[in-house]
Amino acid sequence: MDRHDEMDVREKKVEKKQDSSMVASTFIKYATYLIIFFGILYFLINYILPMF
């Protein structure tokens, strides 16, 4: 008897799903990071650097 014949063979199907709400929330998160970064940069350029 072949060892392969004794084994249980199961098929596993993997479906790639793209959740649009997850994509949107990730976009909002990184857009928020950019807005905060540029806001701090704007503050530094307009208020802190002229003091020096």
N, C-alpha and C. Protein backbone atom coordinates (compact mmCIF):
# COMPACT_ATOMS: atom_id res chain seq x y z
N MET A 1 0.82 -1.19 0.00
CA MET A 1 0.00 0.00 0.00
C MET A 1 0.86 1.25 0.00
N ASP A 2 0.46 2.18 -0.76
CA ASP A 2 1.18 3.45 -0.83
C ASP A 2 0.75 4.34 0.34
N ARG A 3 1.72 5.03 0.91
CA ARG A 3 1.43 5.91 2.06
C ARG A 3 0.51 7.07 1.64
N HIS A 4 0.63 7.49 0.41
CA HIS A 4 -0.20 8.60 -0.08
C HIS A 4 -1.68 8.21 -0.10
N ASP A 5 -1.98 6.96 -0.35
CA ASP A 5 -3.37 6.51 -0.40
C ASP A 5 -4.04 6.56 0.97
N GLU A 6 -3.27 6.42 2.02
CA GLU A 6 -3.81 6.39 3.37
C GLU A 6 -4.07 7.79 3.93
N MET A 7 -3.47 8.80 3.35
CA MET A 7 -3.59 10.15 3.88
C MET A 7 -4.91 10.79 3.45
N ASP A 8 -5.40 11.64 4.32
CA ASP A 8 -6.56 12.46 3.99
C ASP A 8 -6.10 13.63 3.13
N VAL A 9 -6.68 13.79 1.99
CA VAL A 9 -6.33 14.90 1.12
C VAL A 9 -7.49 15.88 1.15
N ARG A 10 -7.18 17.09 1.58
CA ARG A 10 -8.21 18.12 1.66
C ARG A 10 -7.78 19.29 0.80
N GLU A 11 -8.73 19.86 0.12
CA GLU A 11 -8.45 21.04 -0.69
C GLU A 11 -8.71 22.28 0.15
N LYS A 12 -7.83 23.23 -0.02
CA LYS A 12 -7.99 24.49 0.70
C LYS A 12 -8.03 25.60 -0.33
N LYS A 13 -9.13 26.29 -0.34
CA LYS A 13 -9.28 27.39 -1.28
C LYS A 13 -9.06 28.70 -0.53
N VAL A 14 -8.18 29.53 -1.07
CA VAL A 14 -7.89 30.82 -0.46
C VAL A 14 -8.39 31.89 -1.41
N GLU A 15 -9.31 32.69 -0.90
CA GLU A 15 -9.84 33.78 -1.69
C GLU A 15 -9.32 35.09 -1.12
N LYS A 16 -8.77 35.91 -1.99
CA LYS A 16 -8.27 37.20 -1.55
C LYS A 16 -9.42 38.19 -1.59
N LYS A 17 -9.74 38.72 -0.43
CA LYS A 17 -10.83 39.68 -0.34
C LYS A 17 -10.25 41.04 -0.01
N GLN A 18 -10.76 42.04 -0.66
CA GLN A 18 -10.31 43.40 -0.40
C GLN A 18 -11.48 44.15 0.22
N ASP A 19 -11.33 44.48 1.48
CA ASP A 19 -12.38 45.17 2.21
C ASP A 19 -12.24 46.66 1.96
N SER A 20 -13.22 47.26 1.31
CA SER A 20 -13.12 48.68 0.95
C SER A 20 -13.14 49.58 2.18
N SER A 21 -13.78 49.16 3.24
CA SER A 21 -13.79 49.98 4.45
C SER A 21 -12.41 49.99 5.10
N MET A 22 -11.69 48.88 5.00
CA MET A 22 -10.33 48.82 5.55
C MET A 22 -9.40 49.72 4.74
N VAL A 23 -9.57 49.74 3.44
CA VAL A 23 -8.76 50.61 2.58
C VAL A 23 -9.05 52.07 2.89
N ALA A 24 -10.30 52.41 3.07
CA ALA A 24 -10.69 53.78 3.36
C ALA A 24 -10.15 54.24 4.71
N SER A 25 -10.23 53.38 5.71
CA SER A 25 -9.74 53.76 7.03
C SER A 25 -8.23 53.92 7.03
N THR A 26 -7.53 53.10 6.28
CA THR A 26 -6.07 53.24 6.17
C THR A 26 -5.72 54.55 5.47
N PHE A 27 -6.45 54.89 4.43
CA PHE A 27 -6.21 56.16 3.73
C PHE A 27 -6.44 57.34 4.66
N ILE A 28 -7.52 57.30 5.43
CA ILE A 28 -7.82 58.39 6.37
C ILE A 28 -6.72 58.51 7.42
N LYS A 29 -6.22 57.37 7.89
CA LYS A 29 -5.17 57.39 8.91
C LYS A 29 -3.91 58.07 8.38
N TYR A 30 -3.46 57.68 7.20
CA TYR A 30 -2.24 58.27 6.65
C TYR A 30 -2.45 59.71 6.20
N ALA A 31 -3.63 60.05 5.73
CA ALA A 31 -3.92 61.44 5.38
C ALA A 31 -3.88 62.32 6.64
N THR A 32 -4.35 61.79 7.75
CA THR A 32 -4.28 62.52 9.02
C THR A 32 -2.84 62.73 9.45
N TYR A 33 -2.01 61.70 9.30
CA TYR A 33 -0.58 61.85 9.62
C TYR A 33 0.06 62.96 8.78
N LEU A 34 -0.28 63.00 7.50
CA LEU A 34 0.29 64.04 6.63
C LEU A 34 -0.18 65.43 7.02
N ILE A 35 -1.46 65.57 7.35
CA ILE A 35 -1.99 66.87 7.75
C ILE A 35 -1.32 67.35 9.03
N ILE A 36 -1.15 66.46 9.99
CA ILE A 36 -0.47 66.84 11.24
C ILE A 36 0.97 67.22 10.97
N PHE A 37 1.67 66.45 10.13
CA PHE A 37 3.07 66.74 9.81
C PHE A 37 3.21 68.11 9.16
N PHE A 38 2.38 68.39 8.16
CA PHE A 38 2.47 69.67 7.47
C PHE A 38 1.98 70.83 8.36
N GLY A 39 1.08 70.56 9.26
CA GLY A 39 0.65 71.58 10.21
C GLY A 39 1.77 71.97 11.15
N ILE A 40 2.50 71.00 11.66
CA ILE A 40 3.65 71.29 12.53
C ILE A 40 4.73 72.01 11.74
N LEU A 41 4.97 71.58 10.52
CA LEU A 41 5.97 72.23 9.67
C LEU A 41 5.59 73.68 9.39
N TYR A 42 4.33 73.94 9.11
CA TYR A 42 3.83 75.30 8.88
C TYR A 42 4.03 76.17 10.12
N PHE A 43 3.69 75.61 11.27
CA PHE A 43 3.87 76.34 12.52
C PHE A 43 5.33 76.69 12.75
N LEU A 44 6.23 75.73 12.53
CA LEU A 44 7.65 75.99 12.72
C LEU A 44 8.17 77.08 11.79
N ILE A 45 7.76 77.01 10.53
CA ILE A 45 8.26 77.98 9.54
C ILE A 45 7.72 79.38 9.82
N ASN A 46 6.45 79.50 10.16
CA ASN A 46 5.84 80.83 10.31
C ASN A 46 5.99 81.45 11.69
N TYR A 47 6.15 80.66 12.73
CA TYR A 47 6.16 81.25 14.07
C TYR A 47 7.47 81.07 14.82
N ILE A 48 8.14 79.96 14.61
CA ILE A 48 9.36 79.69 15.36
C ILE A 48 10.59 80.23 14.65
N LEU A 49 10.72 79.99 13.36
CA LEU A 49 11.91 80.42 12.63
C LEU A 49 12.07 81.95 12.57
N PRO A 50 11.02 82.74 12.46
CA PRO A 50 11.22 84.20 12.45
C PRO A 50 11.77 84.75 13.77
N MET A 51 11.64 84.02 14.84
CA MET A 51 12.17 84.47 16.12
C MET A 51 13.70 84.45 16.17
N PHE A 52 14.31 83.63 15.33
CA PHE A 52 15.77 83.50 15.34
C PHE A 52 16.43 84.50 14.48
